[in-house]
Amino acid sequence: MCVGLPMQVIEVAPGRARCAARGETAWVDTALVGDIAPGTWLMTFLGSAREVITAETAHRTLDALAALEAALRGDHLEIDRLFADLVGREPRLPDHLLASEGSGS
């Protein structure tokens, strides 16, 4: 399984960018996303940028990864903090499933 890591561009060079995430930096291949500027957020997989993402998407993904690490440590309070928008509310079916909910299928 490959997990994408959001990284923010801090320096660009032809065909690659130096990016930062979670206190570390790495050079990332940018052939699939084209020209980018410092400050841009990228979703990266195995050293390659696969798409340009919004800062909101990057932060939500980084929070999800931190929650996974908290779960592995058994730190349920940290999970609740990272997913505060989900705590204390009932799950809701996506709109495309609501129509079929009463159909018995």
Protein backbone atom coordinates (compact mmCIF):
# COMPACT_ATOMS: atom_id res chain seq x y z
CA MET A 1 0.00 0.00 0.00
CA CYS A 2 1.22 3.47 -0.84
CA VAL A 3 0.16 6.43 1.28
CA GLY A 4 0.30 9.93 -0.18
CA LEU A 5 2.03 12.63 1.79
CA PRO A 6 1.13 16.30 1.36
CA MET A 7 4.24 18.43 1.03
CA GLN A 8 4.70 22.17 0.56
CA VAL A 9 7.13 23.45 -2.05
CA ILE A 10 9.96 25.55 -0.62
CA GLU A 11 12.31 25.67 -3.62
CA VAL A 12 11.96 24.85 -7.31
CA ALA A 13 14.43 23.56 -9.87
CA PRO A 14 13.88 22.19 -13.39
CA GLY A 15 11.76 19.04 -13.06
CA ARG A 16 11.86 18.92 -9.29
CA ALA A 17 11.06 20.80 -6.11
CA ARG A 18 12.38 20.74 -2.58
CA CYS A 19 9.37 20.23 -0.35
CA ALA A 20 8.71 20.17 3.38
CA ALA A 21 6.30 18.20 5.53
CA ARG A 22 6.23 17.05 9.11
CA GLY A 23 9.62 18.58 9.92
CA GLU A 24 11.50 17.00 7.04
CA THR A 25 12.46 18.11 3.54
CA ALA A 26 12.92 16.11 0.35
CA TRP A 27 13.41 16.64 -3.36
CA VAL A 28 10.32 15.59 -5.30
CA ASP A 29 9.96 14.88 -9.03
CA THR A 30 7.42 17.31 -10.54
CA ALA A 31 7.12 15.89 -14.06
CA LEU A 32 3.44 15.00 -13.54
CA VAL A 33 2.36 18.40 -12.18
CA GLY A 34 4.35 20.80 -14.36
CA ASP A 35 5.62 24.20 -13.30
CA ILE A 36 4.89 25.11 -9.69
CA ALA A 37 5.82 27.93 -7.34
CA PRO A 38 7.12 27.98 -3.77
CA GLY A 39 4.24 27.72 -1.33
CA THR A 40 2.30 25.27 -3.50
CA TRP A 41 1.01 22.12 -1.80
CA LEU A 42 1.55 18.80 -3.57
CA MET A 43 0.32 15.28 -2.91
CA THR A 44 3.41 13.11 -3.20
CA PHE A 45 3.92 9.37 -3.51
CA LEU A 46 7.32 7.71 -3.35
CA GLY A 47 9.22 10.89 -4.24
CA SER A 48 6.94 12.07 -7.03
CA ALA A 49 4.29 14.78 -7.00
CA ARG A 50 1.01 13.41 -8.38
CA GLU A 51 -1.25 16.45 -8.02
CA VAL A 52 -1.46 20.02 -6.80
CA ILE A 53 -3.77 20.27 -3.77
CA THR A 54 -5.23 23.04 -1.66
CA ALA A 55 -3.78 23.99 1.72
CA GLU A 56 -7.04 22.80 3.32
CA THR A 57 -6.73 19.35 1.73
CA ALA A 58 -3.09 19.18 2.77
CA HIS A 59 -3.85 20.01 6.40
CA ARG A 60 -6.80 17.61 6.58
CA THR A 61 -4.63 14.82 5.18
CA LEU A 62 -1.77 15.61 7.56
CA ASP A 63 -4.26 15.53 10.47
CA ALA A 64 -5.53 12.13 9.29
CA LEU A 65 -1.97 10.78 9.19
CA ALA A 66 -1.33 12.15 12.69
CA ALA A 67 -4.57 10.50 13.88
CA LEU A 68 -3.41 7.18 12.45
CA GLU A 69 -0.15 7.51 14.38
CA ALA A 70 -2.14 8.40 17.54
CA ALA A 71 -4.32 5.31 17.04
CA LEU A 72 -1.23 3.14 16.81
CA ARG A 73 -0.05 4.63 20.13
CA GLY A 74 -3.50 4.19 21.69
CA ASP A 75 -3.87 7.95 22.18
CA HIS A 76 -7.64 8.39 21.79
CA LEU A 77 -7.63 11.99 23.06
CA GLU A 78 -5.34 13.04 20.23
CA ILE A 79 -7.63 11.32 17.71
CA ASP A 80 -10.62 13.25 19.08
CA ARG A 81 -8.67 16.53 18.79
CA LEU A 82 -7.63 15.83 15.20
CA PHE A 83 -11.17 14.86 14.16
CA ALA A 84 -13.06 17.36 16.33
CA ASP A 85 -15.54 17.96 13.49
CA LEU A 86 -16.60 14.29 13.67
CA VAL A 87 -16.82 13.84 17.43
CA GLY A 88 -20.32 13.88 18.88
CA ARG A 89 -22.25 13.73 15.63
CA GLU A 90 -24.11 10.93 13.93
CA PRO A 91 -22.64 9.59 10.70
CA ARG A 92 -24.61 10.56 7.59
CA LEU A 93 -24.91 8.57 4.39
CA PRO A 94 -23.60 10.30 1.27
CA ASP A 95 -26.36 11.83 -0.90
CA HIS A 96 -25.96 9.18 -3.61
CA LEU A 97 -26.77 6.43 -1.06
CA LEU A 98 -29.69 8.19 0.63
CA ALA A 99 -32.00 7.48 -2.33
CA SER A 100 -31.38 3.72 -2.14
CA GLU A 101 -31.57 3.51 1.67
CA GLY A 102 -35.27 2.62 1.73
CA SER A 103 -35.25 0.50 -1.43
CA GLY A 104 -34.14 -2.71 0.32
CA SER A 105 -31.02 -3.10 -1.80
